[in-house]
All heavy atoms as atom14 arrays in JSON, in Angstrom:
{
  "sequence": "LLARQPDLLEPGLRLVADKKVKPIGAGLSTAVGDIDLLARDGSGGFV",
  "atom14_mask": [
    [1, 1, 1, 1, 1, 1, 1, 1, 0, 0, 0, 0, 0, 0],
    [1, 1, 1, 1, 1, 1, 1, 1, 0, 0, 0, 0, 0, 0],
    [1, 1, 1, 1, 1, 0, 0, 0, 0, 0, 0, 0, 0, 0],
    [1, 1, 1, 1, 1, 1, 1, 1, 1, 1, 1, 0, 0, 0],
    [1, 1, 1, 1, 1, 1, 1, 1, 1, 0, 0, 0, 0, 0],
    [1, 1, 1, 1, 1, 1, 1, 0, 0, 0, 0, 0, 0, 0],
    [1, 1, 1, 1, 1, 1, 1, 1, 0, 0, 0, 0, 0, 0],
    [1, 1, 1, 1, 1, 1, 1, 1, 0, 0, 0, 0, 0, 0],
    [1, 1, 1, 1, 1, 1, 1, 1, 0, 0, 0, 0, 0, 0],
    [1, 1, 1, 1, 1, 1, 1, 1, 1, 0, 0, 0, 0, 0],
    [1, 1, 1, 1, 1, 1, 1, 0, 0, 0, 0, 0, 0, 0],
    [1, 1, 1, 1, 0, 0, 0, 0, 0, 0, 0, 0, 0, 0],
    [1, 1, 1, 1, 1, 1, 1, 1, 0, 0, 0, 0, 0, 0],
    [1, 1, 1, 1, 1, 1, 1, 1, 1, 1, 1, 0, 0, 0],
    [1, 1, 1, 1, 1, 1, 1, 1, 0, 0, 0, 0, 0, 0],
    [1, 1, 1, 1, 1, 1, 1, 0, 0, 0, 0, 0, 0, 0],
    [1, 1, 1, 1, 1, 0, 0, 0, 0, 0, 0, 0, 0, 0],
    [1, 1, 1, 1, 1, 1, 1, 1, 0, 0, 0, 0, 0, 0],
    [1, 1, 1, 1, 1, 1, 1, 1, 1, 0, 0, 0, 0, 0],
    [1, 1, 1, 1, 1, 1, 1, 1, 1, 0, 0, 0, 0, 0],
    [1, 1, 1, 1, 1, 1, 1, 0, 0, 0, 0, 0, 0, 0],
    [1, 1, 1, 1, 1, 1, 1, 1, 1, 0, 0, 0, 0, 0],
    [1, 1, 1, 1, 1, 1, 1, 0, 0, 0, 0, 0, 0, 0],
    [1, 1, 1, 1, 1, 1, 1, 1, 0, 0, 0, 0, 0, 0],
    [1, 1, 1, 1, 0, 0, 0, 0, 0, 0, 0, 0, 0, 0],
    [1, 1, 1, 1, 1, 0, 0, 0, 0, 0, 0, 0, 0, 0],
    [1, 1, 1, 1, 0, 0, 0, 0, 0, 0, 0, 0, 0, 0],
    [1, 1, 1, 1, 1, 1, 1, 1, 0, 0, 0, 0, 0, 0],
    [1, 1, 1, 1, 1, 1, 0, 0, 0, 0, 0, 0, 0, 0],
    [1, 1, 1, 1, 1, 1, 1, 0, 0, 0, 0, 0, 0, 0],
    [1, 1, 1, 1, 1, 0, 0, 0, 0, 0, 0, 0, 0, 0],
    [1, 1, 1, 1, 1, 1, 1, 0, 0, 0, 0, 0, 0, 0],
    [1, 1, 1, 1, 0, 0, 0, 0, 0, 0, 0, 0, 0, 0],
    [1, 1, 1, 1, 1, 1, 1, 1, 0, 0, 0, 0, 0, 0],
    [1, 1, 1, 1, 1, 1, 1, 1, 0, 0, 0, 0, 0, 0],
    [1, 1, 1, 1, 1, 1, 1, 1, 0, 0, 0, 0, 0, 0],
    [1, 1, 1, 1, 1, 1, 1, 1, 0, 0, 0, 0, 0, 0],
    [1, 1, 1, 1, 1, 1, 1, 1, 0, 0, 0, 0, 0, 0],
    [1, 1, 1, 1, 1, 0, 0, 0, 0, 0, 0, 0, 0, 0],
    [1, 1, 1, 1, 1, 1, 1, 1, 1, 1, 1, 0, 0, 0],
    [1, 1, 1, 1, 1, 1, 1, 1, 0, 0, 0, 0, 0, 0],
    [1, 1, 1, 1, 0, 0, 0, 0, 0, 0, 0, 0, 0, 0],
    [1, 1, 1, 1, 1, 1, 0, 0, 0, 0, 0, 0, 0, 0],
    [1, 1, 1, 1, 0, 0, 0, 0, 0, 0, 0, 0, 0, 0],
    [1, 1, 1, 1, 0, 0, 0, 0, 0, 0, 0, 0, 0, 0],
    [1, 1, 1, 1, 1, 1, 1, 1, 1, 1, 1, 0, 0, 0],
    [1, 1, 1, 1, 1, 1, 1, 0, 0, 0, 0, 0, 0, 0]
  ],
  "atom14_positions": [
    [[-28.49, 13.72, -11.62], [-29.45, 14.32, -10.71], [-28.75, 15.23, -9.71], [-29.19, 16.36, -9.47], [-30.24, 13.24, -9.96], [-31.16, 13.74, -8.85], [-32.28, 14.58, -9.42], [-31.72, 12.58, -8.05], [0.0, 0.0, 0.0], [0.0, 0.0, 0.0], [0.0, 0.0, 0.0], [0.0, 0.0, 0.0], [0.0, 0.0, 0.0], [0.0, 0.0, 0.0]],
    [[-27.64, 14.77, -9.14], [-26.92, 15.59, -8.17], [-26.29, 16.82, -8.81], [-26.16, 17.85, -8.17], [-25.87, 14.76, -7.44], [-26.42, 13.7, -6.5], [-25.3, 12.87, -5.92], [-27.25, 14.34, -5.39], [0.0, 0.0, 0.0], [0.0, 0.0, 0.0], [0.0, 0.0, 0.0], [0.0, 0.0, 0.0], [0.0, 0.0, 0.0], [0.0, 0.0, 0.0]],
    [[-25.9, 16.72, -10.08], [-25.36, 17.88, -10.78], [-26.44, 18.95, -10.95], [-26.16, 20.15, -10.87], [-24.79, 17.47, -12.13], [0.0, 0.0, 0.0], [0.0, 0.0, 0.0], [0.0, 0.0, 0.0], [0.0, 0.0, 0.0], [0.0, 0.0, 0.0], [0.0, 0.0, 0.0], [0.0, 0.0, 0.0], [0.0, 0.0, 0.0], [0.0, 0.0, 0.0]],
    [[-27.68, 18.5, -11.15], [-28.8, 19.45, -11.29], [-29.29, 19.96, -9.94], [-29.79, 21.08, -9.84], [-29.95, 18.8, -12.05], [-29.68, 18.62, -13.53], [-30.95, 18.22, -14.29], [-31.6, 17.05, -13.74], [-31.45, 15.8, -14.19], [-30.64, 15.58, -15.2], [-32.08, 14.8, -13.64], [0.0, 0.0, 0.0], [0.0, 0.0, 0.0], [0.0, 0.0, 0.0]],
    [[-29.18, 19.1, -8.92], [-29.7, 19.47, -7.59], [-28.66, 19.13, -6.5], [-28.91, 18.25, -5.67], [-30.99, 18.73, -7.31], [-32.12, 19.1, -8.24], [-33.37, 18.29, -7.93], [-33.35, 17.06, -7.93], [-34.45, 18.98, -7.65], [0.0, 0.0, 0.0], [0.0, 0.0, 0.0], [0.0, 0.0, 0.0], [0.0, 0.0, 0.0], [0.0, 0.0, 0.0]],
    [[-27.53, 19.81, -6.48], [-26.51, 19.48, -5.48], [-26.97, 19.72, -4.04], [-26.43, 19.12, -3.11], [-25.33, 20.38, -5.86], [-25.91, 21.46, -6.68], [-27.12, 20.89, -7.35], [0.0, 0.0, 0.0], [0.0, 0.0, 0.0], [0.0, 0.0, 0.0], [0.0, 0.0, 0.0], [0.0, 0.0, 0.0], [0.0, 0.0, 0.0], [0.0, 0.0, 0.0]],
    [[-27.98, 20.54, -3.87], [-28.47, 20.78, -2.51], [-29.19, 19.57, -1.92], [-29.54, 19.58, -0.73], [-29.33, 22.04, -2.44], [-30.56, 21.99, -3.34], [-30.58, 21.17, -4.29], [-31.5, 22.76, -3.09], [0.0, 0.0, 0.0], [0.0, 0.0, 0.0], [0.0, 0.0, 0.0], [0.0, 0.0, 0.0], [0.0, 0.0, 0.0], [0.0, 0.0, 0.0]],
    [[-29.39, 18.5, -2.71], [-29.88, 17.25, -2.14], [-28.84, 16.67, -1.18], [-29.18, 16.01, -0.2], [-30.17, 16.21, -3.24], [-31.38, 16.48, -4.12], [-31.43, 15.47, -5.27], [-32.66, 16.42, -3.31], [0.0, 0.0, 0.0], [0.0, 0.0, 0.0], [0.0, 0.0, 0.0], [0.0, 0.0, 0.0], [0.0, 0.0, 0.0], [0.0, 0.0, 0.0]],
    [[-27.57, 16.91, -1.47], [-26.48, 16.45, -0.6], [-26.39, 17.29, 0.67], [-26.09, 16.79, 1.74], [-25.14, 16.52, -1.32], [-24.85, 15.46, -2.33], [-23.6, 15.8, -3.12], [-24.69, 14.12, -1.65], [0.0, 0.0, 0.0], [0.0, 0.0, 0.0], [0.0, 0.0, 0.0], [0.0, 0.0, 0.0], [0.0, 0.0, 0.0], [0.0, 0.0, 0.0]],
    [[-26.6, 18.58, 0.5], [-26.43, 19.52, 1.61], [-27.08, 20.84, 1.22], [-26.82, 21.36, 0.13], [-24.93, 19.71, 1.84], [-24.54, 20.68, 2.88], [-23.02, 20.74, 2.99], [-22.4, 19.73, 3.34], [-22.47, 21.81, 2.71], [0.0, 0.0, 0.0], [0.0, 0.0, 0.0], [0.0, 0.0, 0.0], [0.0, 0.0, 0.0], [0.0, 0.0, 0.0]],
    [[-27.91, 21.41, 2.09], [-28.54, 22.69, 1.77], [-27.49, 23.76, 1.45], [-26.46, 23.86, 2.11], [-29.3, 23.05, 3.05], [-29.54, 21.74, 3.73], [-28.33, 20.89, 3.4], [0.0, 0.0, 0.0], [0.0, 0.0, 0.0], [0.0, 0.0, 0.0], [0.0, 0.0, 0.0], [0.0, 0.0, 0.0], [0.0, 0.0, 0.0], [0.0, 0.0, 0.0]],
    [[-27.74, 24.52, 0.41], [-26.85, 25.62, 0.02], [-25.73, 25.21, -0.92], [-24.99, 26.06, -1.41], [0.0, 0.0, 0.0], [0.0, 0.0, 0.0], [0.0, 0.0, 0.0], [0.0, 0.0, 0.0], [0.0, 0.0, 0.0], [0.0, 0.0, 0.0], [0.0, 0.0, 0.0], [0.0, 0.0, 0.0], [0.0, 0.0, 0.0], [0.0, 0.0, 0.0]],
    [[-25.58, 23.92, -1.2], [-24.52, 23.46, -2.08], [-24.86, 23.82, -3.52], [-25.99, 23.65, -3.96], [-24.39, 21.94, -1.95], [-23.01, 21.32, -2.14], [-22.01, 21.88, -1.16], [-23.09, 19.82, -2.01], [0.0, 0.0, 0.0], [0.0, 0.0, 0.0], [0.0, 0.0, 0.0], [0.0, 0.0, 0.0], [0.0, 0.0, 0.0], [0.0, 0.0, 0.0]],
    [[-23.86, 24.35, -4.25], [-24.07, 24.7, -5.65], [-22.81, 24.36, -6.44], [-21.7, 24.48, -5.93], [-24.43, 26.17, -5.81], [-23.33, 27.11, -5.38], [-23.83, 28.55, -5.23], [-22.75, 29.46, -4.95], [-22.08, 29.57, -3.81], [-22.37, 28.77, -2.79], [-21.12, 30.45, -3.65], [0.0, 0.0, 0.0], [0.0, 0.0, 0.0], [0.0, 0.0, 0.0]],
    [[-22.98, 23.94, -7.69], [-21.84, 23.58, -8.52], [-20.95, 24.77, -8.77], [-21.42, 25.9, -8.9], [-22.3, 23.02, -9.87], [-22.83, 21.61, -9.92], [-23.12, 21.2, -11.35], [-21.88, 20.62, -9.3], [0.0, 0.0, 0.0], [0.0, 0.0, 0.0], [0.0, 0.0, 0.0], [0.0, 0.0, 0.0], [0.0, 0.0, 0.0], [0.0, 0.0, 0.0]],
    [[-19.65, 24.51, -8.88], [-18.7, 25.55, -9.24], [-19.0, 25.97, -10.67], [-19.29, 25.13, -11.53], [-17.25, 25.04, -9.09], [-16.26, 25.98, -9.74], [-16.92, 24.83, -7.63], [0.0, 0.0, 0.0], [0.0, 0.0, 0.0], [0.0, 0.0, 0.0], [0.0, 0.0, 0.0], [0.0, 0.0, 0.0], [0.0, 0.0, 0.0], [0.0, 0.0, 0.0]],
    [[-18.95, 27.28, -10.94], [-19.24, 27.81, -12.26], [-18.06, 28.62, -12.77], [-17.23, 29.09, -11.99], [-20.49, 28.68, -12.2], [0.0, 0.0, 0.0], [0.0, 0.0, 0.0], [0.0, 0.0, 0.0], [0.0, 0.0, 0.0], [0.0, 0.0, 0.0], [0.0, 0.0, 0.0], [0.0, 0.0, 0.0], [0.0, 0.0, 0.0], [0.0, 0.0, 0.0]],
    [[-18.0, 28.79, -14.09], [-16.94, 29.62, -14.66], [-17.33, 31.09, -14.57], [-18.36, 31.44, -13.99], [-16.62, 29.19, -16.1], [-17.79, 29.37, -17.07], [-18.78, 30.06, -16.73], [-17.71, 28.82, -18.17], [0.0, 0.0, 0.0], [0.0, 0.0, 0.0], [0.0, 0.0, 0.0], [0.0, 0.0, 0.0], [0.0, 0.0, 0.0], [0.0, 0.0, 0.0]],
    [[-16.54, 31.96, -15.18], [-16.79, 33.41, -15.08], [-18.08, 33.83, -15.77], [-18.63, 34.89, -15.49], [-15.61, 34.18, -15.66], [-14.37, 34.03, -14.81], [-13.19, 34.75, -15.39], [-11.98, 34.5, -14.5], [-10.78, 35.11, -15.0], [0.0, 0.0, 0.0], [0.0, 0.0, 0.0], [0.0, 0.0, 0.0], [0.0, 0.0, 0.0], [0.0, 0.0, 0.0]],
    [[-18.57, 32.99, -16.69], [-19.83, 33.28, -17.38], [-21.02, 32.64, -16.67], [-22.09, 32.53, -17.21], [-19.76, 32.79, -18.83], [-18.71, 33.52, -19.64], [-18.66, 33.0, -21.05], [-17.58, 33.72, -21.83], [-17.44, 33.21, -23.2], [0.0, 0.0, 0.0], [0.0, 0.0, 0.0], [0.0, 0.0, 0.0], [0.0, 0.0, 0.0], [0.0, 0.0, 0.0]],
    [[-20.79, 32.13, -15.46], [-21.8, 31.51, -14.6], [-22.29, 30.18, -15.18], [-23.37, 29.71, -14.85], [-22.97, 32.47, -14.28], [-23.81, 31.96, -13.13], [-22.46, 33.86, -13.94], [0.0, 0.0, 0.0], [0.0, 0.0, 0.0], [0.0, 0.0, 0.0], [0.0, 0.0, 0.0], [0.0, 0.0, 0.0], [0.0, 0.0, 0.0], [0.0, 0.0, 0.0]],
    [[-21.51, 29.56, -16.03], [-21.85, 28.24, -16.56], [-21.29, 27.19, -15.61], [-20.1, 27.19, -15.31], [-21.24, 28.06, -17.95], [-21.5, 26.69, -18.55], [-20.79, 26.53, -19.87], [-20.98, 25.09, -20.34], [-20.08, 24.78, -21.44], [0.0, 0.0, 0.0], [0.0, 0.0, 0.0], [0.0, 0.0, 0.0], [0.0, 0.0, 0.0], [0.0, 0.0, 0.0]],
    [[-22.13, 26.27, -15.1], [-21.64, 25.23, -14.18], [-20.57, 24.35, -14.84], [-20.78, 23.86, -15.95], [-22.88, 24.42, -13.85], [-24.04, 25.3, -14.18], [-23.57, 26.16, -15.31], [0.0, 0.0, 0.0], [0.0, 0.0, 0.0], [0.0, 0.0, 0.0], [0.0, 0.0, 0.0], [0.0, 0.0, 0.0], [0.0, 0.0, 0.0], [0.0, 0.0, 0.0]],
    [[-19.44, 24.2, -14.17], [-18.36, 23.36, -14.7], [-17.94, 22.29, -13.69], [-17.0, 21.55, -13.92], [-17.12, 24.21, -15.07], [-16.61, 24.98, -13.84], [-17.43, 25.13, -16.23], [-15.26, 25.62, -14.03], [0.0, 0.0, 0.0], [0.0, 0.0, 0.0], [0.0, 0.0, 0.0], [0.0, 0.0, 0.0], [0.0, 0.0, 0.0], [0.0, 0.0, 0.0]],
    [[-18.65, 22.19, -12.58], [-18.24, 21.31, -11.49], [-18.64, 19.86, -11.6], [-18.35, 19.08, -10.7], [0.0, 0.0, 0.0], [0.0, 0.0, 0.0], [0.0, 0.0, 0.0], [0.0, 0.0, 0.0], [0.0, 0.0, 0.0], [0.0, 0.0, 0.0], [0.0, 0.0, 0.0], [0.0, 0.0, 0.0], [0.0, 0.0, 0.0], [0.0, 0.0, 0.0]],
    [[-19.28, 19.43, -12.68], [-19.67, 18.02, -12.83], [-18.67, 17.31, -13.73], [-18.43, 17.75, -14.86], [-21.07, 17.91, -13.41], [0.0, 0.0, 0.0], [0.0, 0.0, 0.0], [0.0, 0.0, 0.0], [0.0, 0.0, 0.0], [0.0, 0.0, 0.0], [0.0, 0.0, 0.0], [0.0, 0.0, 0.0], [0.0, 0.0, 0.0], [0.0, 0.0, 0.0]],
    [[-18.07, 16.23, -13.23], [-17.11, 15.47, -14.02], [-15.86, 16.25, -14.34], [-15.34, 16.15, -15.45], [0.0, 0.0, 0.0], [0.0, 0.0, 0.0], [0.0, 0.0, 0.0], [0.0, 0.0, 0.0], [0.0, 0.0, 0.0], [0.0, 0.0, 0.0], [0.0, 0.0, 0.0], [0.0, 0.0, 0.0], [0.0, 0.0, 0.0], [0.0, 0.0, 0.0]],
    [[-15.36, 17.0, -13.4], [-14.18, 17.84, -13.61], [-12.91, 16.99, -13.63], [-12.65, 16.24, -12.68], [-14.09, 18.89, -12.5], [-12.97, 19.9, -12.6], [-13.18, 20.81, -13.8], [-12.9, 20.73, -11.33], [0.0, 0.0, 0.0], [0.0, 0.0, 0.0], [0.0, 0.0, 0.0], [0.0, 0.0, 0.0], [0.0, 0.0, 0.0], [0.0, 0.0, 0.0]],
    [[-12.13, 17.09, -14.7], [-10.87, 16.36, -14.8], [-9.75, 17.17, -14.17], [-9.65, 18.38, -14.39], [-10.53, 16.09, -16.27], [-11.44, 15.17, -16.82], [0.0, 0.0, 0.0], [0.0, 0.0, 0.0], [0.0, 0.0, 0.0], [0.0, 0.0, 0.0], [0.0, 0.0, 0.0], [0.0, 0.0, 0.0], [0.0, 0.0, 0.0], [0.0, 0.0, 0.0]],
    [[-8.91, 16.47, -13.38], [-7.75, 17.11, -12.77], [-6.53, 16.24, -13.03], [-6.65, 15.11, -13.51], [-7.92, 17.28, -11.25], [-7.79, 16.0, -10.62], [-9.27, 17.89, -10.88], [0.0, 0.0, 0.0], [0.0, 0.0, 0.0], [0.0, 0.0, 0.0], [0.0, 0.0, 0.0], [0.0, 0.0, 0.0], [0.0, 0.0, 0.0], [0.0, 0.0, 0.0]],
    [[-5.38, 16.73, -12.65], [-4.13, 15.97, -12.82], [-4.09, 14.73, -11.93], [-3.31, 13.81, -12.19], [-2.94, 16.87, -12.52], [0.0, 0.0, 0.0], [0.0, 0.0, 0.0], [0.0, 0.0, 0.0], [0.0, 0.0, 0.0], [0.0, 0.0, 0.0], [0.0, 0.0, 0.0], [0.0, 0.0, 0.0], [0.0, 0.0, 0.0], [0.0, 0.0, 0.0]],
    [[-4.93, 14.68, -10.89], [-4.93, 13.53, -9.98], [-6.16, 12.64, -10.15], [-6.37, 11.72, -9.38], [-4.79, 13.98, -8.5], [-3.44, 14.62, -8.26], [-5.92, 14.91, -8.09], [0.0, 0.0, 0.0], [0.0, 0.0, 0.0], [0.0, 0.0, 0.0], [0.0, 0.0, 0.0], [0.0, 0.0, 0.0], [0.0, 0.0, 0.0], [0.0, 0.0, 0.0]],
    [[-6.98, 12.92, -11.17], [-8.17, 12.12, -11.42], [-9.42, 12.99, -11.49], [-9.39, 14.18, -11.18], [0.0, 0.0, 0.0], [0.0, 0.0, 0.0], [0.0, 0.0, 0.0], [0.0, 0.0, 0.0], [0.0, 0.0, 0.0], [0.0, 0.0, 0.0], [0.0, 0.0, 0.0], [0.0, 0.0, 0.0], [0.0, 0.0, 0.0], [0.0, 0.0, 0.0]],
    [[-10.5, 12.38, -11.9], [-11.76, 13.1, -12.05], [-12.43, 13.37, -10.7], [-12.35, 12.56, -9.78], [-12.73, 12.32, -12.93], [-12.27, 12.23, -14.37], [-11.39, 13.03, -14.77], [-12.78, 11.37, -15.1], [0.0, 0.0, 0.0], [0.0, 0.0, 0.0], [0.0, 0.0, 0.0], [0.0, 0.0, 0.0], [0.0, 0.0, 0.0], [0.0, 0.0, 0.0]],
    [[-13.11, 14.5, -10.63], [-13.94, 14.85, -9.49], [-15.38, 14.73, -9.97], [-15.77, 15.37, -10.95], [-13.65, 16.28, -8.99], [-12.22, 16.37, -8.46], [-14.67, 16.71, -7.94], [-11.78, 17.77, -8.09], [0.0, 0.0, 0.0], [0.0, 0.0, 0.0], [0.0, 0.0, 0.0], [0.0, 0.0, 0.0], [0.0, 0.0, 0.0], [0.0, 0.0, 0.0]],
    [[-16.18, 13.9, -9.3], [-17.57, 13.7, -9.73], [-18.34, 15.02, -9.68], [-19.0, 15.38, -10.64], [-18.26, 12.64, -8.88], [-17.64, 11.26, -9.09], [-17.25, 10.95, -10.24], [-17.56, 10.5, -8.12], [0.0, 0.0, 0.0], [0.0, 0.0, 0.0], [0.0, 0.0, 0.0], [0.0, 0.0, 0.0], [0.0, 0.0, 0.0], [0.0, 0.0, 0.0]],
    [[-18.27, 15.72, -8.55], [-18.89, 17.04, -8.42], [-17.95, 17.95, -7.63], [-17.44, 17.54, -6.59], [-20.22, 16.97, -7.67], [-21.37, 16.24, -8.32], [-22.56, 16.2, -7.36], [-21.79, 16.89, -9.61], [0.0, 0.0, 0.0], [0.0, 0.0, 0.0], [0.0, 0.0, 0.0], [0.0, 0.0, 0.0], [0.0, 0.0, 0.0], [0.0, 0.0, 0.0]],
    [[-17.77, 19.16, -8.12], [-17.05, 20.18, -7.37], [-18.03, 21.3, -7.12], [-18.61, 21.85, -8.06], [-15.83, 20.68, -8.12], [-15.01, 21.76, -7.41], [-14.48, 21.24, -6.07], [-13.88, 22.26, -8.27], [0.0, 0.0, 0.0], [0.0, 0.0, 0.0], [0.0, 0.0, 0.0], [0.0, 0.0, 0.0], [0.0, 0.0, 0.0], [0.0, 0.0, 0.0]],
    [[-18.24, 21.59, -5.86], [-19.26, 22.56, -5.48], [-18.71, 23.54, -4.46], [-17.58, 23.42, -4.0], [-20.47, 21.82, -4.9], [0.0, 0.0, 0.0], [0.0, 0.0, 0.0], [0.0, 0.0, 0.0], [0.0, 0.0, 0.0], [0.0, 0.0, 0.0], [0.0, 0.0, 0.0], [0.0, 0.0, 0.0], [0.0, 0.0, 0.0], [0.0, 0.0, 0.0]],
    [[-19.55, 24.51, -4.15], [-19.28, 25.44, -3.05], [-20.43, 25.31, -2.06], [-21.58, 25.14, -2.45], [-19.17, 26.86, -3.56], [-17.91, 27.09, -4.39], [-17.41, 28.47, -4.11], [-16.25, 28.81, -4.9], [-15.09, 29.15, -4.38], [-14.93, 29.17, -3.07], [-14.08, 29.49, -5.14], [0.0, 0.0, 0.0], [0.0, 0.0, 0.0], [0.0, 0.0, 0.0]],
    [[-20.08, 25.41, -0.78], [-21.13, 25.32, 0.23], [-21.68, 26.71, 0.53], [-21.26, 27.7, -0.07], [-20.61, 24.62, 1.49], [-19.44, 25.33, 2.16], [-19.25, 26.55, 1.94], [-18.72, 24.67, 2.92], [0.0, 0.0, 0.0], [0.0, 0.0, 0.0], [0.0, 0.0, 0.0], [0.0, 0.0, 0.0], [0.0, 0.0, 0.0], [0.0, 0.0, 0.0]],
    [[-22.61, 26.78, 1.47], [-23.26, 28.04, 1.81], [-22.32, 29.13, 2.29], [-22.61, 30.31, 2.15], [0.0, 0.0, 0.0], [0.0, 0.0, 0.0], [0.0, 0.0, 0.0], [0.0, 0.0, 0.0], [0.0, 0.0, 0.0], [0.0, 0.0, 0.0], [0.0, 0.0, 0.0], [0.0, 0.0, 0.0], [0.0, 0.0, 0.0], [0.0, 0.0, 0.0]],
    [[-21.15, 28.74, 2.83], [-20.19, 29.73, 3.3], [-19.09, 30.0, 2.27], [-18.14, 30.72, 2.56], [-19.59, 29.3, 4.64], [-18.88, 28.09, 4.48], [0.0, 0.0, 0.0], [0.0, 0.0, 0.0], [0.0, 0.0, 0.0], [0.0, 0.0, 0.0], [0.0, 0.0, 0.0], [0.0, 0.0, 0.0], [0.0, 0.0, 0.0], [0.0, 0.0, 0.0]],
    [[-19.21, 29.42, 1.06], [-18.25, 29.69, 0.0], [-17.09, 28.73, -0.11], [-16.27, 28.84, -1.01], [0.0, 0.0, 0.0], [0.0, 0.0, 0.0], [0.0, 0.0, 0.0], [0.0, 0.0, 0.0], [0.0, 0.0, 0.0], [0.0, 0.0, 0.0], [0.0, 0.0, 0.0], [0.0, 0.0, 0.0], [0.0, 0.0, 0.0], [0.0, 0.0, 0.0]],
    [[-16.99, 27.77, 0.81], [-15.91, 26.8, 0.76], [-16.11, 25.77, -0.33], [-17.25, 25.47, -0.72], [0.0, 0.0, 0.0], [0.0, 0.0, 0.0], [0.0, 0.0, 0.0], [0.0, 0.0, 0.0], [0.0, 0.0, 0.0], [0.0, 0.0, 0.0], [0.0, 0.0, 0.0], [0.0, 0.0, 0.0], [0.0, 0.0, 0.0], [0.0, 0.0, 0.0]],
    [[-15.02, 25.2, -0.83], [-15.1, 24.16, -1.84], [-15.51, 22.83, -1.21], [-15.09, 22.51, -0.1], [-13.74, 23.96, -2.53], [-13.39, 25.02, -3.52], [-12.46, 25.99, -3.22], [-13.99, 25.04, -4.77], [-12.12, 26.98, -4.14], [-13.66, 26.02, -5.7], [-12.71, 26.99, -5.38], [0.0, 0.0, 0.0], [0.0, 0.0, 0.0], [0.0, 0.0, 0.0]],
    [[-16.3, 22.06, -1.96], [-16.7, 20.72, -1.55], [-16.46, 19.77, -2.72], [-17.01, 19.96, -3.8], [-18.18, 20.64, -1.12], [-18.54, 19.22, -0.68], [-18.48, 21.65, -0.01], [0.0, 0.0, 0.0], [0.0, 0.0, 0.0], [0.0, 0.0, 0.0], [0.0, 0.0, 0.0], [0.0, 0.0, 0.0], [0.0, 0.0, 0.0], [0.0, 0.0, 0.0]]
  ]
}
């Protein structure tokens, strides 16, 4: 639900997307562990 509607957490929040505008911010694997959601806020910062 939060991947589909990240603005439920905070107005203006949107999932990080790739260059083709496909959302990739849900369940993102990193070298230090998985990130449940990676988003950008209304001012462009990462969340």
